[in-house]
Amino acid sequence: MNLFKDHILRKIVLSASLSKIGDILYYIALMTYASSLPNYKLAIALVTFSETLPSILAFFTGALADKTKDKINVIFITTSIRITIYILVGIAIGFDKGIAILILIVILNLISDFIGEYEDGLYIPILVSSIKDENKLENILGYYQAIINIANLVGQSLGAFLIIYLTYSYLSYLNSFTFLLSLIIVFMIKGTLKNNLNEYYDKNEISFENKSDFKNRKLKRISRFIRDIFNTLKKLKNNQLIFTEIMIISILNGLLAAISPLILIKITENKEMLIASTTSTTLSVLMVTLTIATLLGNTLGVSLLKNFNCLKIIQLIILFVGSLFTILLFNNLILILMNLFAVMFFVAVVTPKLTAEIINNLEPEFLATNIGILNTILTIIGPIITMTISSIIILVSFDIILLSIIGITLIMYIITIRINRKNNIIFSKTPEDIN
């Protein structure tokens, strides 16, 4: 951690961590509030929609952030807007509970999350420009992500604790306060950050277009991006194994992204499943389980399962996902958490393996573009499936949805068996050994 002896980097990381803690803390509060309403299925679906839509459009907010020249001053504006939004949310949530109030809160939360995605894009070059030793760039970015993950855990734990003692309004005000602290920290180093950015722009010969040029280029970029997606998938389709793995992982990501709202609906209907008799504590334990499993999978899992090929691990994931949704039918939260831990552990292991397979099967000159496109596909499928399931659950029986998902996992498992036989893969070998 001596890489963070630089006080500028330390303050940037602290600012981002405070903002993340506030976001996670308030997510738990908002989901708990939604589950307490009479029409809780609709309420949870609306909150899920507001939380997932911004991530689908992250490509557009990221492109806008790239073309924003005065990033520091814009961050002051965006953070000030978010502070104001959550003050308004705190006032609104203080009125009598009802779906109309929730819709207002969801709209405000949606605006804030869009701004947050844009703001995340603004922070990336600020962090990179503040790292003076390029040899340490990868390590520092790794530490940065690790600290953000720790901030996630802190926010999850705090959410379960504070919601017992604070009202939803005060939690909203607390979220505003974390944004304010984040803004104050940025203000303290504003001059240095501007200098670092200017040096970074000059060094990398980065220029900024006027608005009309940017708009035209953005439309062309979107068109080219969509075309590239189809071209990349077309190339990968020639390799049936990798194409199948990508499609299955995309669907699994989507199903897993929907697990939190589905479990929340289940525990709302079955209070005996609650941990410590509170929805917030149960939701926090769920999120902590997801985070810890992912961290262990990224570290220990990758080395422990290095001799397993992708398809074998994907089959394990499918079995655990099927088991997870089957257990959800029988209201056993402990077994649900155990299965969820296993699923997220193996997902964290298979991701770098799949990336390595793709790298070995794509043209080197288009590697970065293709990997970026595939990451986008994997990222957006999750929110799309989450919103679809959240919408359907208002109209269809909960158990029918679970049985449908179990059926999907069974079909995926059969497909992997057929692909395995067709490619004659021996599970005890890695792809390199097979080649």
Protein backbone atom coordinates (compact mmCIF):
# COMPACT_ATOMS: atom_id res chain seq x y z
CA MET A 1 0.00 0.00 0.00
CA ASN A 2 3.08 2.28 -0.03
CA LEU A 3 2.03 3.15 -3.57
CA PHE A 4 -0.48 5.53 -1.99
CA LYS A 5 2.10 7.65 -0.14
CA ASP A 6 1.32 10.35 -2.71
CA HIS A 7 -1.21 12.57 -0.90
CA ILE A 8 -2.94 13.51 -4.18
CA LEU A 9 -3.64 9.86 -5.04
CA ARG A 10 -4.70 9.25 -1.47
CA LYS A 11 -7.27 12.05 -1.64
CA ILE A 12 -8.61 10.91 -5.03
CA VAL A 13 -9.13 7.39 -3.69
CA LEU A 14 -10.73 8.71 -0.49
CA SER A 15 -13.09 10.92 -2.49
CA ALA A 16 -14.18 8.02 -4.74
CA SER A 17 -14.56 5.68 -1.74
CA LEU A 18 -16.83 8.08 0.16
CA SER A 19 -19.03 8.47 -2.90
CA LYS A 20 -19.22 4.68 -3.33
CA ILE A 21 -20.11 4.12 0.34
CA GLY A 22 -22.95 6.62 0.05
CA ASP A 23 -24.28 4.98 -3.12
CA ILE A 24 -24.27 1.44 -1.69
CA LEU A 25 -25.71 2.56 1.64
CA TYR A 26 -28.60 4.33 -0.05
CA TYR A 27 -29.26 1.43 -2.45
CA ILE A 28 -29.92 -0.80 0.57
CA ALA A 29 -32.19 1.87 2.10
CA LEU A 30 -34.14 2.35 -1.15
CA MET A 31 -34.63 -1.39 -1.72
CA THR A 32 -35.75 -1.80 1.90
CA TYR A 33 -38.21 1.08 1.47
CA ALA A 34 -39.57 -0.47 -1.76
CA SER A 35 -40.07 -3.86 -0.07
CA SER A 36 -42.13 -2.21 2.70
CA LEU A 37 -44.78 -0.85 0.29
CA PRO A 38 -48.07 -2.72 -0.28
CA ASN A 39 -47.34 -3.16 -4.01
CA TYR A 40 -43.77 -4.29 -3.30
CA LYS A 41 -43.25 -6.21 -6.59
CA LEU A 42 -43.89 -3.10 -8.66
CA ALA A 43 -41.85 -0.97 -6.25
CA ILE A 44 -38.82 -3.31 -6.38
CA ALA A 45 -39.12 -3.49 -10.19
CA LEU A 46 -39.08 0.33 -10.43
CA VAL A 47 -36.02 0.65 -8.18
CA THR A 48 -34.23 -2.11 -10.12
CA PHE A 49 -35.02 -0.31 -13.38
CA SER A 50 -33.57 2.98 -12.06
CA GLU A 51 -30.41 1.22 -10.87
CA THR A 52 -29.73 -0.80 -14.03
CA LEU A 53 -30.66 1.51 -16.94
CA PRO A 54 -27.67 3.87 -16.46
CA SER A 55 -25.20 0.97 -16.75
CA ILE A 56 -26.70 -0.04 -20.12
CA LEU A 57 -25.97 3.46 -21.44
CA ALA A 58 -22.51 3.68 -19.84
CA PHE A 59 -20.93 3.64 -23.31
CA PHE A 60 -22.63 6.96 -24.14
CA THR A 61 -21.86 8.65 -20.83
CA GLY A 62 -18.27 7.41 -21.13
CA ALA A 63 -17.95 8.91 -24.62
CA LEU A 64 -19.33 12.20 -23.31
CA ALA A 65 -16.85 12.15 -20.40
CA ASP A 66 -13.96 11.58 -22.82
CA LYS A 67 -14.93 14.73 -24.73
CA THR A 68 -15.39 16.90 -21.64
CA LYS A 69 -12.41 19.25 -21.39
CA ASP A 70 -12.85 20.98 -18.01
CA LYS A 71 -13.37 17.79 -16.04
CA ILE A 72 -12.69 19.26 -12.58
CA ASN A 73 -15.24 22.07 -12.80
CA VAL A 74 -17.80 19.72 -14.35
CA ILE A 75 -17.34 17.34 -11.39
CA PHE A 76 -18.16 20.25 -9.07
CA ILE A 77 -21.37 20.84 -11.01
CA THR A 78 -22.41 17.17 -11.24
CA THR A 79 -21.68 16.44 -7.58
CA SER A 80 -23.58 19.56 -6.50
CA ILE A 81 -26.57 18.35 -8.54
CA ARG A 82 -26.39 14.92 -6.86
CA ILE A 83 -26.21 16.53 -3.41
CA THR A 84 -29.34 18.54 -4.24
CA ILE A 85 -31.12 15.47 -5.65
CA TYR A 86 -30.70 13.44 -2.46
CA ILE A 87 -31.79 16.34 -0.29
CA LEU A 88 -34.98 16.41 -2.40
CA VAL A 89 -35.26 12.61 -2.08
CA GLY A 90 -34.92 12.94 1.69
CA ILE A 91 -37.78 15.44 1.76
CA ALA A 92 -39.98 13.35 -0.57
CA ILE A 93 -39.40 10.06 1.26
CA GLY A 94 -40.51 11.71 4.50
CA PHE A 95 -44.10 11.89 3.27
CA ASP A 96 -46.57 9.02 3.64
CA LYS A 97 -45.49 5.84 1.89
CA GLY A 98 -47.00 5.33 -1.54
CA ILE A 99 -46.21 4.34 -5.11
CA ALA A 100 -46.53 7.96 -6.33
CA ILE A 101 -43.79 9.10 -3.92
CA LEU A 102 -41.65 6.12 -4.95
CA ILE A 103 -42.00 7.01 -8.65
CA LEU A 104 -40.75 10.54 -7.89
CA ILE A 105 -37.82 9.10 -5.90
CA VAL A 106 -37.02 6.62 -8.69
CA ILE A 107 -36.93 9.42 -11.28
CA LEU A 108 -34.59 11.48 -9.10
CA ASN A 109 -32.44 8.41 -8.40
CA LEU A 110 -32.30 7.61 -12.14
CA ILE A 111 -31.06 11.14 -12.91
CA SER A 112 -28.46 10.86 -10.15
CA ASP A 113 -27.22 7.48 -11.39
CA PHE A 114 -26.87 8.77 -14.97
CA ILE A 115 -24.83 11.68 -13.62
CA GLY A 116 -22.84 9.21 -11.50
CA GLU A 117 -21.93 7.09 -14.55
CA TYR A 118 -20.81 10.24 -16.36
CA GLU A 119 -18.84 11.35 -13.29
CA ASP A 120 -17.08 7.97 -13.07
CA GLY A 121 -15.86 8.55 -16.63
CA LEU A 122 -14.53 11.99 -15.65
CA TYR A 123 -12.53 10.55 -12.73
CA ILE A 124 -10.60 7.95 -14.77
CA PRO A 125 -8.24 10.38 -16.59
CA ILE A 126 -7.91 12.43 -13.36
CA LEU A 127 -6.60 9.34 -11.55
CA VAL A 128 -4.35 8.27 -14.44
CA SER A 129 -2.91 11.78 -14.90
CA SER A 130 -2.00 11.88 -11.19
CA ILE A 131 0.14 8.73 -11.43
CA LYS A 132 3.59 10.06 -12.22
CA ASP A 133 5.41 6.73 -12.47
CA GLU A 134 3.95 4.91 -15.48
CA ASN A 135 5.59 1.66 -14.35
CA LYS A 136 3.29 1.68 -11.32
CA LEU A 137 0.12 2.44 -13.29
CA GLU A 138 -1.18 -1.14 -13.34
CA ASN A 139 -0.42 -1.76 -9.65
CA ILE A 140 -1.99 1.50 -8.50
CA LEU A 141 -5.13 0.90 -10.58
CA GLY A 142 -5.31 -2.57 -9.02
CA TYR A 143 -5.06 -1.11 -5.51
CA TYR A 144 -7.61 1.53 -6.44
CA GLN A 145 -10.14 -1.13 -7.50
CA ALA A 146 -9.41 -3.16 -4.35
CA ILE A 147 -10.12 -0.12 -2.14
CA ILE A 148 -13.36 0.58 -4.03
CA ASN A 149 -14.37 -3.06 -3.35
CA ILE A 150 -13.59 -2.53 0.35
CA ALA A 151 -15.71 0.64 0.25
CA ASN A 152 -18.51 -1.53 -1.16
CA LEU A 153 -18.22 -3.86 1.84
CA VAL A 154 -18.20 -0.90 4.26
CA GLY A 155 -21.29 0.58 2.61
CA GLN A 156 -23.09 -2.77 2.73
CA SER A 157 -22.31 -3.26 6.42
CA LEU A 158 -23.17 0.33 7.34
CA GLY A 159 -26.45 0.10 5.45
CA ALA A 160 -27.64 -2.83 7.54
CA PHE A 161 -26.63 -1.09 10.79
CA LEU A 162 -27.76 2.49 10.17
CA ILE A 163 -31.18 1.67 8.77
CA ILE A 164 -32.11 0.28 12.21
CA TYR A 165 -31.50 3.67 13.83
CA LEU A 166 -32.07 6.23 11.05
CA THR A 167 -35.14 7.07 8.99
CA TYR A 168 -35.08 6.80 5.18
CA SER A 169 -34.93 10.61 5.03
CA TYR A 170 -31.82 10.78 7.21
CA LEU A 171 -30.14 8.07 5.14
CA SER A 172 -30.81 10.15 2.03
CA TYR A 173 -29.31 13.20 3.74
CA LEU A 174 -26.34 11.04 4.76
CA ASN A 175 -25.84 10.10 1.10
CA SER A 176 -25.80 13.81 0.24
CA PHE A 177 -23.26 14.35 3.00
CA THR A 178 -20.89 11.70 1.58
CA PHE A 179 -21.08 13.46 -1.79
CA LEU A 180 -20.35 16.78 -0.05
CA LEU A 181 -17.27 15.32 1.68
CA SER A 182 -16.13 13.91 -1.66
CA LEU A 183 -16.53 17.35 -3.23
CA ILE A 184 -14.59 19.08 -0.43
CA ILE A 185 -11.68 16.66 -0.90
CA VAL A 186 -11.58 17.39 -4.65
CA PHE A 187 -11.74 21.13 -3.92
CA MET A 188 -8.67 20.83 -1.63
CA ILE A 189 -6.54 19.53 -4.52
CA LYS A 190 -8.35 21.24 -7.39
CA GLY A 191 -5.31 23.21 -8.62
CA THR A 192 -2.98 20.21 -8.65
CA LEU A 193 -5.53 18.06 -10.45
CA LYS A 194 -6.00 20.70 -13.17
CA ASN A 195 -2.23 20.94 -13.69
CA ASN A 196 -1.92 17.14 -13.87
CA LEU A 197 -4.72 16.95 -16.43
CA ASN A 198 -3.23 19.71 -18.59
CA GLU A 199 0.15 17.95 -18.58
CA TYR A 200 -1.59 14.67 -19.44
CA TYR A 201 -3.45 16.32 -22.36
CA ASP A 202 -0.25 17.89 -23.69
CA LYS A 203 1.79 14.71 -23.33
CA ASN A 204 -0.78 12.58 -25.14
CA GLU A 205 -1.73 15.33 -27.64
CA ILE A 206 -5.39 15.21 -26.62
CA SER A 207 -7.61 17.88 -28.16
CA PHE A 208 -11.31 18.63 -27.78
CA GLU A 209 -13.78 19.31 -30.57
CA ASN A 210 -16.55 21.84 -30.59
CA LYS A 211 -20.05 20.58 -29.78
CA SER A 212 -21.29 20.19 -33.35
CA ASP A 213 -18.19 18.24 -34.39
CA PHE A 214 -18.51 16.07 -31.29
CA LYS A 215 -22.18 15.34 -32.03
CA ASN A 216 -21.41 14.25 -35.60
CA ARG A 217 -18.46 12.14 -34.51
CA LYS A 218 -20.52 10.58 -31.71
CA LEU A 219 -23.23 9.45 -34.14
CA LYS A 220 -20.60 7.97 -36.45
CA ARG A 221 -18.93 6.27 -33.49
CA ILE A 222 -22.21 4.71 -32.34
CA SER A 223 -22.91 3.44 -35.86
CA ARG A 224 -19.38 2.03 -36.16
CA PHE A 225 -19.61 0.48 -32.69
CA ILE A 226 -22.84 -1.38 -33.54
CA ARG A 227 -21.32 -2.56 -36.82
CA ASP A 228 -18.19 -3.75 -34.99
CA ILE A 229 -20.32 -5.74 -32.52
CA PHE A 230 -21.88 -7.75 -35.36
CA ASN A 231 -18.52 -8.18 -37.10
CA THR A 232 -16.86 -9.46 -33.92
CA LEU A 233 -19.70 -11.89 -33.19
CA LYS A 234 -19.55 -13.08 -36.80
CA LYS A 235 -15.85 -13.86 -36.43
CA LEU A 236 -16.36 -15.64 -33.13
CA LYS A 237 -19.27 -17.66 -34.52
CA ASN A 238 -16.74 -19.52 -36.63
CA ASN A 239 -15.40 -20.93 -33.35
CA GLN A 240 -18.53 -22.61 -31.99
CA LEU A 241 -16.97 -23.38 -28.61
CA ILE A 242 -16.00 -19.80 -27.75
CA PHE A 243 -19.19 -18.35 -29.26
CA THR A 244 -21.30 -20.71 -27.11
CA GLU A 245 -19.28 -19.88 -23.99
CA ILE A 246 -19.75 -16.13 -24.55
CA MET A 247 -23.50 -16.46 -25.10
CA ILE A 248 -23.98 -18.70 -22.04
CA ILE A 249 -21.88 -16.47 -19.78
CA SER A 250 -23.86 -13.45 -21.00
CA ILE A 251 -27.16 -15.13 -20.11
CA LEU A 252 -25.81 -16.32 -16.76
CA ASN A 253 -24.64 -12.78 -15.98
CA GLY A 254 -28.16 -11.57 -16.69
CA LEU A 255 -29.79 -14.19 -14.48
CA LEU A 256 -27.36 -13.47 -11.64
CA ALA A 257 -27.91 -9.72 -11.96
CA ALA A 258 -31.60 -10.37 -11.26
CA ILE A 259 -30.96 -12.45 -8.15
CA SER A 260 -30.94 -9.57 -5.63
CA PRO A 261 -34.44 -8.23 -6.49
CA LEU A 262 -35.78 -11.81 -6.73
CA ILE A 263 -34.44 -12.73 -3.29
CA LEU A 264 -35.77 -9.44 -1.91
CA ILE A 265 -39.26 -10.27 -3.18
CA LYS A 266 -38.96 -13.77 -1.72
CA ILE A 267 -37.97 -12.57 1.76
CA THR A 268 -40.67 -9.91 1.65
CA GLU A 269 -43.24 -12.67 1.11
CA ASN A 270 -41.60 -15.01 3.65
CA LYS A 271 -40.52 -13.09 6.75
CA GLU A 272 -39.07 -16.26 8.35
CA MET A 273 -36.20 -16.01 5.84
CA LEU A 274 -35.04 -12.65 7.24
CA ILE A 275 -31.69 -12.39 9.02
CA ALA A 276 -32.02 -10.60 12.37
CA SER A 277 -35.67 -10.02 11.41
CA THR A 278 -34.77 -7.09 9.12
CA THR A 279 -34.80 -6.73 5.34
CA SER A 280 -31.79 -4.39 5.34
CA THR A 281 -29.57 -6.84 7.25
CA THR A 282 -30.58 -9.69 4.93
CA LEU A 283 -29.89 -7.57 1.83
CA SER A 284 -26.51 -6.48 3.25
CA VAL A 285 -25.47 -10.09 3.98
CA LEU A 286 -26.46 -10.98 0.40
CA MET A 287 -24.33 -8.18 -1.06
CA VAL A 288 -21.36 -8.95 1.22
CA THR A 289 -21.55 -12.62 0.11
CA LEU A 290 -21.43 -11.53 -3.55
CA THR A 291 -18.45 -9.23 -2.97
CA ILE A 292 -16.36 -11.67 -0.89
CA ALA A 293 -16.99 -14.56 -3.31
CA THR A 294 -15.90 -12.40 -6.25
CA LEU A 295 -12.75 -11.24 -4.45
CA LEU A 296 -11.77 -14.81 -3.50
CA GLY A 297 -12.51 -16.05 -7.01
CA ASN A 298 -10.32 -13.31 -8.53
CA THR A 299 -7.43 -14.19 -6.21
CA LEU A 300 -7.41 -17.77 -4.87
CA GLY A 301 -9.79 -19.29 -7.42
CA VAL A 302 -7.81 -18.36 -10.52
CA SER A 303 -4.68 -20.13 -9.22
CA LEU A 304 -6.50 -23.14 -7.70
CA LEU A 305 -8.45 -23.88 -10.91
CA LYS A 306 -5.77 -22.95 -13.44
CA ASN A 307 -5.82 -26.44 -15.00
CA PHE A 308 -9.59 -26.44 -15.55
CA ASN A 309 -10.84 -25.36 -18.97
CA CYS A 310 -13.57 -22.76 -19.47
CA LEU A 311 -16.35 -25.12 -20.44
CA LYS A 312 -15.95 -27.28 -17.34
CA ILE A 313 -16.19 -24.23 -15.06
CA ILE A 314 -19.17 -22.89 -17.04
CA GLN A 315 -20.91 -26.23 -16.51
CA LEU A 316 -20.28 -25.95 -12.76
CA ILE A 317 -21.73 -22.43 -12.80
CA ILE A 318 -24.84 -23.63 -14.66
CA LEU A 319 -25.37 -26.43 -12.11
CA PHE A 320 -25.02 -24.04 -9.17
CA VAL A 321 -27.30 -21.45 -10.80
CA GLY A 322 -29.95 -24.12 -11.41
CA SER A 323 -29.55 -25.29 -7.82
CA LEU A 324 -29.74 -21.69 -6.57
CA PHE A 325 -33.09 -20.97 -8.23
CA THR A 326 -34.43 -24.41 -7.19
CA ILE A 327 -33.58 -23.73 -3.53
CA LEU A 328 -35.22 -20.31 -3.86
CA LEU A 329 -38.51 -22.21 -4.35
CA PHE A 330 -38.11 -23.74 -0.87
CA ASN A 331 -37.25 -20.59 1.15
CA ASN A 332 -33.91 -21.78 2.59
CA LEU A 333 -31.76 -18.63 2.82
CA ILE A 334 -28.63 -20.37 4.17
CA LEU A 335 -28.49 -22.75 1.20
CA ILE A 336 -29.27 -19.84 -1.13
CA LEU A 337 -26.27 -17.89 0.21
CA MET A 338 -24.00 -20.97 -0.02
CA ASN A 339 -25.00 -21.57 -3.65
CA LEU A 340 -24.69 -17.89 -4.48
CA PHE A 341 -21.18 -17.83 -3.01
CA ALA A 342 -20.17 -20.81 -5.16
CA VAL A 343 -21.68 -19.27 -8.31
CA MET A 344 -19.93 -15.91 -7.90
CA PHE A 345 -16.64 -17.62 -7.00
CA PHE A 346 -16.65 -19.63 -10.24
CA VAL A 347 -17.85 -16.65 -12.33
CA ALA A 348 -14.82 -14.68 -11.07
CA VAL A 349 -12.57 -17.60 -12.05
CA VAL A 350 -13.99 -18.16 -15.55
CA THR A 351 -13.91 -14.50 -16.66
CA PRO A 352 -10.09 -14.21 -17.14
CA LYS A 353 -10.01 -17.71 -18.67
CA LEU A 354 -12.63 -16.76 -21.23
CA THR A 355 -10.77 -13.53 -21.99
CA ALA A 356 -7.58 -15.54 -22.62
CA GLU A 357 -9.43 -17.89 -25.00
CA ILE A 358 -10.82 -14.92 -26.92
CA ILE A 359 -7.38 -13.29 -27.15
CA ASN A 360 -5.95 -16.48 -28.65
CA ASN A 361 -8.69 -16.57 -31.31
CA LEU A 362 -8.87 -12.95 -32.52
CA GLU A 363 -6.66 -10.93 -34.83
CA PRO A 364 -3.97 -9.15 -32.77
CA GLU A 365 -4.41 -5.85 -34.63
CA PHE A 366 -8.07 -5.60 -33.52
CA LEU A 367 -7.59 -7.09 -30.07
CA ALA A 368 -8.41 -4.08 -27.87
CA THR A 369 -11.49 -3.16 -29.92
CA ASN A 370 -12.87 -6.70 -29.89
CA ILE A 371 -12.24 -7.23 -26.17
CA GLY A 372 -13.92 -3.90 -25.44
CA ILE A 373 -16.95 -4.86 -27.53
CA LEU A 374 -17.24 -8.25 -25.83
CA ASN A 375 -17.00 -6.64 -22.39
CA THR A 376 -19.79 -4.28 -23.42
CA ILE A 377 -21.96 -7.22 -24.53
CA LEU A 378 -21.35 -9.00 -21.22
CA THR A 379 -22.08 -5.80 -19.30
CA ILE A 380 -25.34 -4.77 -20.97
CA ILE A 381 -26.95 -8.24 -21.14
CA GLY A 382 -27.17 -8.32 -17.32
CA PRO A 383 -29.20 -5.11 -16.87
CA ILE A 384 -31.42 -5.98 -19.86
CA ILE A 385 -32.35 -9.39 -18.41
CA THR A 386 -32.74 -7.85 -14.93
CA MET A 387 -35.19 -5.25 -16.22
CA THR A 388 -37.04 -7.91 -18.24
CA ILE A 389 -37.46 -10.19 -15.21
CA SER A 390 -38.40 -7.23 -12.99
CA SER A 391 -41.10 -6.25 -15.49
CA ILE A 392 -42.46 -9.77 -15.93
CA ILE A 393 -42.66 -10.44 -12.19
CA ILE A 394 -45.40 -7.81 -11.87
CA LEU A 395 -47.59 -9.90 -14.20
CA VAL A 396 -46.49 -13.51 -13.69
CA SER A 397 -46.31 -15.80 -10.65
CA PHE A 398 -42.94 -15.77 -8.85
CA ASP A 399 -42.69 -19.58 -8.94
CA ILE A 400 -43.37 -19.66 -12.71
CA ILE A 401 -40.44 -17.29 -13.24
CA LEU A 402 -38.17 -19.47 -11.10
CA LEU A 403 -39.24 -22.64 -12.94
CA SER A 404 -38.64 -20.88 -16.29
CA ILE A 405 -35.11 -19.90 -15.20
CA ILE A 406 -34.42 -23.48 -14.03
CA GLY A 407 -35.58 -24.67 -17.47
CA ILE A 408 -33.19 -22.20 -19.16
CA THR A 409 -30.26 -23.49 -17.08
CA LEU A 410 -31.14 -27.08 -18.04
CA ILE A 411 -31.14 -26.16 -21.74
CA MET A 412 -27.78 -24.39 -21.36
CA TYR A 413 -26.29 -27.43 -19.63
CA ILE A 414 -27.47 -29.75 -22.43
CA ILE A 415 -25.93 -27.35 -24.99
CA THR A 416 -22.56 -27.44 -23.18
CA ILE A 417 -22.63 -31.26 -23.17
CA ARG A 418 -23.25 -31.31 -26.93
CA ILE A 419 -20.52 -28.73 -27.57
CA ASN A 420 -18.16 -30.69 -25.34
CA ARG A 421 -18.75 -33.89 -27.27
CA LYS A 422 -18.44 -32.11 -30.61
CA ASN A 423 -15.13 -30.53 -29.68
CA ASN A 424 -13.93 -33.65 -27.86
CA ILE A 425 -12.65 -31.63 -24.90
CA ILE A 426 -11.01 -33.50 -22.05
CA PHE A 427 -11.91 -31.63 -18.86
CA SER A 428 -8.67 -32.38 -17.09
CA LYS A 429 -6.73 -30.40 -19.72
CA THR A 430 -6.42 -26.69 -20.39
CA PRO A 431 -7.06 -25.23 -23.87
CA GLU A 432 -3.28 -24.90 -24.34
CA ASP A 433 -2.80 -28.60 -23.63
CA ILE A 434 -5.53 -29.51 -26.14
CA ASN A 435 -3.90 -27.37 -28.84
